[in-house]
Amino acid sequence: CAPGPRSVEPAHRPSGIRFSETMVGSIEVRGGIREIETHLSVKIDDLAVFIARHARNPDVRVPIIAGTLEIERSGPIQVDPKKSYMRIMTPAPLDERGREVRTLEYVLVPISPNPMWERLEGEKIVRDDAGFDAWQDTTTLDLTLFTASGELKGLMRQPATEFFGGQLPSFEADTDDPARQVWAMLTFGKFFFGHMVDVYFPGLAQMGDLGANLMRRSHG
């Protein structure tokens, strides 16, 4: 059979991954509630370096390379890709039951001075509360919007239609090499869902560690 397409990329070129995310919600202002919406594009340039750095120190900034924030149909404001970023699956202090907690943190800064907002800081808290709440934890952002006159509190969520119809299809590896594409998708999936297992199924993670240790001993 005919050989498949071959990559023209240099063998040493790092493999990255990118995805997009849309969230909608509201902020509390004097006199009521105002709608807020974000559209963000995120990129990890070198996935291998990111995984290695995160294992040593989870305080790794992931660039938000493009995006907008809109408040109450005032028109989308571009975010500054040099100052806007995420932190993904950062370990937090154990909860009151001694269980693992992770956070996904967002910092958005407008690309030019804006009278409506100066900075947004938000956090998704991934923890094992009563019931299976993984969906709510990973799609709900508690936020603070910093303005010239003070701070506004709010909440944004990612609709299910956006997650399945928008975010999931947006995941793509930054390479034209099919083998690297598979590696990048599997590596990021293992990283992200591995942290989910640590939070929601700690016993399963311990069993996996035990199995790995047994395999190493049996081949030692």
C-alpha atoms as a PDB file:
ATOM      1  CA  CYS A   1       0.000   0.000   0.000  1.00  0.00           C
ATOM      2  CA  ALA A   2       1.075   3.597  -0.523  1.00  0.00           C
ATOM      3  CA  PRO A   3       2.911   5.213   2.398  1.00  0.00           C
ATOM      4  CA  GLY A   4       1.003   7.801   4.435  1.00  0.00           C
ATOM      5  CA  PRO A   5       1.889  11.489   4.469  1.00  0.00           C
ATOM      6  CA  ARG A   6       5.184  12.297   6.175  1.00  0.00           C
ATOM      7  CA  SER A   7       5.729  15.274   8.413  1.00  0.00           C
ATOM      8  CA  VAL A   8       7.924  18.087   7.112  1.00  0.00           C
ATOM      9  CA  GLU A   9       8.593  19.327  10.659  1.00  0.00           C
ATOM     10  CA  PRO A  10      12.106  19.150  12.150  1.00  0.00           C
ATOM     11  CA  ALA A  11      12.433  16.200  14.509  1.00  0.00           C
ATOM     12  CA  HIS A  12      13.408  18.499  17.384  1.00  0.00           C
ATOM     13  CA  ARG A  13      10.380  20.804  17.054  1.00  0.00           C
ATOM     14  CA  PRO A  14       8.340  20.763  20.293  1.00  0.00           C
ATOM     15  CA  SER A  15       4.739  19.588  20.213  1.00  0.00           C
ATOM     16  CA  GLY A  16       2.094  21.811  21.772  1.00  0.00           C
ATOM     17  CA  ILE A  17      -1.655  21.890  22.132  1.00  0.00           C
ATOM     18  CA  ARG A  18      -4.339  24.554  21.916  1.00  0.00           C
ATOM     19  CA  PHE A  19      -8.028  24.887  22.746  1.00  0.00           C
ATOM     20  CA  SER A  20     -10.760  27.486  23.107  1.00  0.00           C
ATOM     21  CA  GLU A  21     -13.319  28.137  25.840  1.00  0.00           C
ATOM     22  CA  THR A  22     -16.475  30.228  26.133  1.00  0.00           C
ATOM     23  CA  MET A  23     -18.070  31.109  29.480  1.00  0.00           C
ATOM     24  CA  VAL A  24     -21.158  33.167  30.306  1.00  0.00           C
ATOM     25  CA  GLY A  25     -22.484  34.515  33.574  1.00  0.00           C
ATOM     26  CA  SER A  26     -23.076  37.656  35.586  1.00  0.00           C
ATOM     27  CA  ILE A  27     -21.509  40.134  37.990  1.00  0.00           C
ATOM     28  CA  GLU A  28     -23.124  41.981  40.874  1.00  0.00           C
ATOM     29  CA  VAL A  29     -23.258  45.765  40.508  1.00  0.00           C
ATOM     30  CA  ARG A  30     -25.099  48.496  42.323  1.00  0.00           C
ATOM     31  CA  GLY A  31     -28.698  48.279  41.335  1.00  0.00           C
ATOM     32  CA  GLY A  32     -28.653  44.744  39.992  1.00  0.00           C
ATOM     33  CA  ILE A  33     -26.888  42.186  37.849  1.00  0.00           C
ATOM     34  CA  ARG A  34     -24.940  42.603  34.615  1.00  0.00           C
ATOM     35  CA  GLU A  35     -24.227  39.862  32.109  1.00  0.00           C
ATOM     36  CA  ILE A  36     -20.627  38.926  31.335  1.00  0.00           C
ATOM     37  CA  GLU A  37     -19.146  36.661  28.666  1.00  0.00           C
ATOM     38  CA  THR A  38     -15.661  35.529  27.663  1.00  0.00           C
ATOM     39  CA  HIS A  39     -14.217  33.811  24.596  1.00  0.00           C
ATOM     40  CA  LEU A  40     -10.657  32.602  25.134  1.00  0.00           C
ATOM     41  CA  SER A  41      -7.971  30.763  23.162  1.00  0.00           C
ATOM     42  CA  VAL A  42      -5.279  28.958  25.147  1.00  0.00           C
ATOM     43  CA  LYS A  43      -2.017  27.446  23.927  1.00  0.00           C
ATOM     44  CA  ILE A  44       0.723  25.336  25.468  1.00  0.00           C
ATOM     45  CA  ASP A  45       3.734  25.718  23.162  1.00  0.00           C
ATOM     46  CA  ASP A  46       5.773  22.773  24.432  1.00  0.00           C
ATOM     47  CA  LEU A  47       3.704  20.110  26.134  1.00  0.00           C
ATOM     48  CA  ALA A  48       6.665  18.031  27.315  1.00  0.00           C
ATOM     49  CA  VAL A  49       8.241  21.054  29.015  1.00  0.00           C
ATOM     50  CA  PHE A  50       4.896  22.042  30.559  1.00  0.00           C
ATOM     51  CA  ILE A  51       4.345  18.570  32.053  1.00  0.00           C
ATOM     52  CA  ALA A  52       7.883  18.451  33.450  1.00  0.00           C
ATOM     53  CA  ARG A  53       7.674  21.952  34.939  1.00  0.00           C
ATOM     54  CA  HIS A  54       4.230  21.302  36.426  1.00  0.00           C
ATOM     55  CA  ALA A  55       5.533  18.165  38.143  1.00  0.00           C
ATOM     56  CA  ARG A  56       8.305  20.198  39.807  1.00  0.00           C
ATOM     57  CA  ASN A  57       6.291  23.353  40.524  1.00  0.00           C
ATOM     58  CA  PRO A  58       2.590  23.575  39.546  1.00  0.00           C
ATOM     59  CA  ASP A  59       2.743  27.383  39.424  1.00  0.00           C
ATOM     60  CA  VAL A  60       3.043  27.329  35.621  1.00  0.00           C
ATOM     61  CA  ARG A  61       1.394  30.068  33.587  1.00  0.00           C
ATOM     62  CA  VAL A  62      -0.336  28.928  30.403  1.00  0.00           C
ATOM     63  CA  PRO A  63      -0.746  31.803  27.921  1.00  0.00           C
ATOM     64  CA  ILE A  64      -4.187  32.960  26.841  1.00  0.00           C
ATOM     65  CA  ILE A  65      -3.091  33.867  23.320  1.00  0.00           C
ATOM     66  CA  ALA A  66      -6.321  35.611  22.291  1.00  0.00           C
ATOM     67  CA  GLY A  67      -9.734  36.383  23.668  1.00  0.00           C
ATOM     68  CA  THR A  68     -12.455  38.851  24.519  1.00  0.00           C
ATOM     69  CA  LEU A  69     -14.509  39.854  27.528  1.00  0.00           C
ATOM     70  CA  GLU A  70     -17.888  41.528  27.112  1.00  0.00           C
ATOM     71  CA  ILE A  71     -20.050  43.098  29.812  1.00  0.00           C
ATOM     72  CA  GLU A  72     -23.782  43.578  29.211  1.00  0.00           C
ATOM     73  CA  ARG A  73     -23.574  43.822  25.405  1.00  0.00           C
ATOM     74  CA  SER A  74     -21.122  46.728  25.645  1.00  0.00           C
ATOM     75  CA  GLY A  75     -18.976  45.241  22.901  1.00  0.00           C
ATOM     76  CA  PRO A  76     -16.134  42.709  23.212  1.00  0.00           C
ATOM     77  CA  ILE A  77     -12.866  43.978  24.700  1.00  0.00           C
ATOM     78  CA  GLN A  78      -9.693  42.239  23.559  1.00  0.00           C
ATOM     79  CA  VAL A  79      -7.543  40.676  26.288  1.00  0.00           C
ATOM     80  CA  ASP A  80      -3.801  41.245  26.363  1.00  0.00           C
ATOM     81  CA  PRO A  81      -2.004  37.995  25.387  1.00  0.00           C
ATOM     82  CA  LYS A  82       1.172  39.214  27.105  1.00  0.00           C
ATOM     83  CA  LYS A  83      -0.526  39.621  30.490  1.00  0.00           C
ATOM     84  CA  SER A  84      -3.430  37.126  30.405  1.00  0.00           C
ATOM     85  CA  TYR A  85      -2.920  33.518  31.438  1.00  0.00           C
ATOM     86  CA  MET A  86      -4.251  30.377  33.113  1.00  0.00           C
ATOM     87  CA  ARG A  87      -2.917  27.973  35.675  1.00  0.00           C
ATOM     88  CA  ILE A  88      -4.167  24.435  35.119  1.00  0.00           C
ATOM     89  CA  MET A  89      -4.727  21.861  37.882  1.00  0.00           C
ATOM     90  CA  THR A  90      -2.779  23.606  40.620  1.00  0.00           C
ATOM     91  CA  PRO A  91      -2.788  21.607  43.900  1.00  0.00           C
ATOM     92  CA  ALA A  92      -4.478  23.499  46.732  1.00  0.00           C
ATOM     93  CA  PRO A  93      -4.460  22.733  50.479  1.00  0.00           C
ATOM     94  CA  LEU A  94      -6.321  19.544  51.408  1.00  0.00           C
ATOM     95  CA  ASP A  95      -9.978  19.968  52.312  1.00  0.00           C
ATOM     96  CA  GLU A  96     -11.414  19.406  55.800  1.00  0.00           C
ATOM     97  CA  ARG A  97     -11.599  15.644  55.128  1.00  0.00           C
ATOM     98  CA  GLY A  98      -7.991  15.485  54.045  1.00  0.00           C
ATOM     99  CA  ARG A  99      -8.825  15.059  50.351  1.00  0.00           C
ATOM    100  CA  GLU A 100      -7.032  16.470  47.338  1.00  0.00           C
ATOM    101  CA  VAL A 101      -8.142  19.795  45.829  1.00  0.00           C
ATOM    102  CA  ARG A 102      -7.134  21.340  42.507  1.00  0.00           C
ATOM    103  CA  THR A 103      -7.764  24.764  40.988  1.00  0.00           C
ATOM    104  CA  LEU A 104      -7.942  26.217  37.497  1.00  0.00           C
ATOM    105  CA  GLU A 105      -7.058  29.900  37.685  1.00  0.00           C
ATOM    106  CA  TYR A 106      -7.668  32.677  35.157  1.00  0.00           C
ATOM    107  CA  VAL A 107      -6.172  36.162  34.902  1.00  0.00           C
ATOM    108  CA  LEU A 108      -7.442  38.475  32.142  1.00  0.00           C
ATOM    109  CA  VAL A 109      -6.120  41.961  31.424  1.00  0.00           C
ATOM    110  CA  PRO A 110      -7.500  44.237  28.666  1.00  0.00           C
ATOM    111  CA  ILE A 111      -5.109  44.979  25.834  1.00  0.00           C
ATOM    112  CA  SER A 112      -5.640  48.737  26.312  1.00  0.00           C
ATOM    113  CA  PRO A 113      -6.965  50.888  29.211  1.00  0.00           C
ATOM    114  CA  ASN A 114     -10.675  50.296  29.642  1.00  0.00           C
ATOM    115  CA  PRO A 115     -13.166  52.267  31.779  1.00  0.00           C
ATOM    116  CA  MET A 116     -15.277  49.184  32.565  1.00  0.00           C
ATOM    117  CA  TRP A 117     -12.627  46.828  33.947  1.00  0.00           C
ATOM    118  CA  GLU A 118      -8.910  46.677  34.664  1.00  0.00           C
ATOM    119  CA  ARG A 119      -8.406  43.007  35.470  1.00  0.00           C
ATOM    120  CA  LEU A 120     -10.352  39.780  35.976  1.00  0.00           C
ATOM    121  CA  GLU A 121      -9.248  37.040  38.341  1.00  0.00           C
ATOM    122  CA  GLY A 122     -11.193  33.805  38.470  1.00  0.00           C
ATOM    123  CA  GLU A 123     -10.921  30.337  39.925  1.00  0.00           C
ATOM    124  CA  LYS A 124     -12.516  26.956  39.343  1.00  0.00           C
ATOM    125  CA  ILE A 125     -12.227  24.794  42.453  1.00  0.00           C
ATOM    126  CA  VAL A 126     -12.061  21.055  41.780  1.00  0.00           C
ATOM    127  CA  ARG A 127     -12.953  19.134  44.942  1.00  0.00           C
ATOM    128  CA  ASP A 128     -15.001  16.105  45.871  1.00  0.00           C
ATOM    129  CA  ASP A 129     -18.151  17.492  47.492  1.00  0.00           C
ATOM    130  CA  ALA A 130     -21.318  15.486  48.120  1.00  0.00           C
ATOM    131  CA  GLY A 131     -22.484  13.782  44.940  1.00  0.00           C
ATOM    132  CA  PHE A 132     -20.497  13.623  41.721  1.00  0.00           C
ATOM    133  CA  ASP A 133     -19.853  17.292  40.994  1.00  0.00           C
ATOM    134  CA  ALA A 134     -16.907  17.072  38.579  1.00  0.00           C
ATOM    135  CA  TRP A 135     -18.924  18.702  35.796  1.00  0.00           C
ATOM    136  CA  GLN A 136     -19.933  21.679  37.944  1.00  0.00           C
ATOM    137  CA  ASP A 137     -16.423  22.103  39.358  1.00  0.00           C
ATOM    138  CA  THR A 138     -14.653  22.178  35.996  1.00  0.00           C
ATOM    139  CA  THR A 139     -17.176  24.471  34.293  1.00  0.00           C
ATOM    140  CA  THR A 140     -17.936  27.042  37.040  1.00  0.00           C
ATOM    141  CA  LEU A 141     -15.701  30.078  37.510  1.00  0.00           C
ATOM    142  CA  ASP A 142     -15.930  32.266  40.610  1.00  0.00           C
ATOM    143  CA  LEU A 143     -14.576  35.639  39.580  1.00  0.00           C
ATOM    144  CA  THR A 144     -13.581  39.071  40.787  1.00  0.00           C
ATOM    145  CA  LEU A 145     -13.632  41.963  38.327  1.00  0.00           C
ATOM    146  CA  PHE A 146     -11.349  44.810  39.323  1.00  0.00           C
ATOM    147  CA  THR A 147     -12.477  48.273  38.237  1.00  0.00           C
ATOM    148  CA  ALA A 148     -11.312  51.822  38.918  1.00  0.00           C
ATOM    149  CA  SER A 149     -14.008  52.166  41.585  1.00  0.00           C
ATOM    150  CA  GLY A 150     -13.661  48.807  43.314  1.00  0.00           C
ATOM    151  CA  GLU A 151     -14.216  45.076  42.993  1.00  0.00           C
ATOM    152  CA  LEU A 152     -17.215  43.249  41.552  1.00  0.00           C
ATOM    153  CA  LYS A 153     -18.001  39.613  42.327  1.00  0.00           C
ATOM    154  CA  GLY A 154     -19.525  37.272  39.826  1.00  0.00           C
ATOM    155  CA  LEU A 155     -19.885  33.800  38.412  1.00  0.00           C
ATOM    156  CA  MET A 156     -19.491  32.335  34.950  1.00  0.00           C
ATOM    157  CA  ARG A 157     -20.301  28.885  33.643  1.00  0.00           C
ATOM    158  CA  GLN A 158     -19.559  26.957  30.517  1.00  0.00           C
ATOM    159  CA  PRO A 159     -22.798  25.693  28.963  1.00  0.00           C
ATOM    160  CA  ALA A 160     -22.892  22.007  28.068  1.00  0.00           C
ATOM    161  CA  THR A 161     -23.602  22.895  24.445  1.00  0.00           C
ATOM    162  CA  GLU A 162     -20.412  24.977  24.350  1.00  0.00           C
ATOM    163  CA  PHE A 163     -18.315  22.289  26.024  1.00  0.00           C
ATOM    164  CA  PHE A 164     -19.378  19.464  23.706  1.00  0.00           C
ATOM    165  CA  GLY A 165     -19.952  21.561  20.607  1.00  0.00           C
ATOM    166  CA  GLY A 166     -17.151  24.084  21.019  1.00  0.00           C
ATOM    167  CA  GLN A 167     -14.367  23.326  23.482  1.00  0.00           C
ATOM    168  CA  LEU A 168     -13.883  19.598  22.889  1.00  0.00           C
ATOM    169  CA  PRO A 169     -13.690  19.939  19.072  1.00  0.00           C
ATOM    170  CA  SER A 170     -11.293  22.878  19.496  1.00  0.00           C
ATOM    171  CA  PHE A 171      -8.542  20.754  21.044  1.00  0.00           C
ATOM    172  CA  GLU A 172      -5.774  20.294  18.522  1.00  0.00           C
ATOM    173  CA  ALA A 173      -2.092  19.502  18.548  1.00  0.00           C
ATOM    174  CA  ASP A 174       0.249  22.136  17.155  1.00  0.00           C
ATOM    175  CA  THR A 175       1.874  19.770  14.652  1.00  0.00           C
ATOM    176  CA  ASP A 176       1.215  18.184  11.269  1.00  0.00           C
ATOM    177  CA  ASP A 177       2.830  14.892  12.314  1.00  0.00           C
ATOM    178  CA  PRO A 178       0.065  12.302  12.984  1.00  0.00           C
ATOM    179  CA  ALA A 179       2.163  10.468  15.573  1.00  0.00           C
ATOM    180  CA  ARG A 180       2.867  13.682  17.462  1.00  0.00           C
ATOM    181  CA  GLN A 181      -0.781  14.661  17.277  1.00  0.00           C
ATOM    182  CA  VAL A 182      -1.766  11.421  18.992  1.00  0.00           C
ATOM    183  CA  TRP A 183       0.992  11.803  21.576  1.00  0.00           C
ATOM    184  CA  ALA A 184      -0.012  15.382  22.404  1.00  0.00           C
ATOM    185  CA  MET A 185      -3.706  14.602  22.819  1.00  0.00           C
ATOM    186  CA  LEU A 186      -3.038  11.508  24.943  1.00  0.00           C
ATOM    187  CA  THR A 187      -0.422  13.269  27.062  1.00  0.00           C
ATOM    188  CA  PHE A 188      -2.629  16.252  27.885  1.00  0.00           C
ATOM    189  CA  GLY A 189      -5.591  13.953  28.547  1.00  0.00           C
ATOM    190  CA  LYS A 190      -3.524  11.827  30.913  1.00  0.00           C
ATOM    191  CA  PHE A 191      -2.309  14.950  32.723  1.00  0.00           C
ATOM    192  CA  PHE A 192      -5.745  16.539  33.120  1.00  0.00           C
ATOM    193  CA  PHE A 193      -7.767  13.448  33.967  1.00  0.00           C
ATOM    194  CA  GLY A 194      -4.984  12.114  36.162  1.00  0.00           C
ATOM    195  CA  HIS A 195      -5.529  15.107  38.430  1.00  0.00           C
ATOM    196  CA  MET A 196      -9.286  14.492  38.281  1.00  0.00           C
ATOM    197  CA  VAL A 197      -8.701  10.931  39.479  1.00  0.00           C
ATOM    198  CA  ASP A 198      -6.559  12.236  42.358  1.00  0.00           C
ATOM    199  CA  VAL A 199      -9.498  14.383  43.496  1.00  0.00           C
ATOM    200  CA  TYR A 200     -12.565  12.221  42.850  1.00  0.00           C
ATOM    201  CA  PHE A 201     -11.159   8.680  42.895  1.00  0.00           C
ATOM    202  CA  PRO A 202      -8.096   8.734  45.170  1.00  0.00           C
ATOM    203  CA  GLY A 203      -8.379   4.996  45.812  1.00  0.00           C
ATOM    204  CA  LEU A 204      -8.101   4.325  42.090  1.00  0.00           C
ATOM    205  CA  ALA A 205      -4.962   6.438  41.857  1.00  0.00           C
ATOM    206  CA  GLN A 206      -3.418   4.536  44.797  1.00  0.00           C
ATOM    207  CA  MET A 207      -4.239   1.220  43.127  1.00  0.00           C
ATOM    208  CA  GLY A 208      -2.540   2.445  39.970  1.00  0.00           C
ATOM    209  CA  ASP A 209       0.587   3.395  41.940  1.00  0.00           C
ATOM    210  CA  LEU A 210       0.561   0.001  43.667  1.00  0.00           C
ATOM    211  CA  GLY A 211       0.265  -1.799  40.342  1.00  0.00           C
ATOM    212  CA  ALA A 212       3.137   0.194  38.876  1.00  0.00           C
ATOM    213  CA  ASN A 213       5.320  -0.576  41.903  1.00  0.00           C
ATOM    214  CA  LEU A 214       4.547  -4.278  41.645  1.00  0.00           C
ATOM    215  CA  MET A 215       5.419  -4.272  37.954  1.00  0.00           C
ATOM    216  CA  ARG A 216       8.751  -2.584  38.656  1.00  0.00           C
ATOM    217  CA  ARG A 217       9.583  -5.054  41.429  1.00  0.00           C
ATOM    218  CA  SER A 218       8.649  -8.073  39.319  1.00  0.00           C
ATOM    219  CA  HIS A 219      10.988  -6.848  36.558  1.00  0.00           C
ATOM    220  CA  GLY A 220      13.712  -5.629  38.873  1.00  0.00           C
END
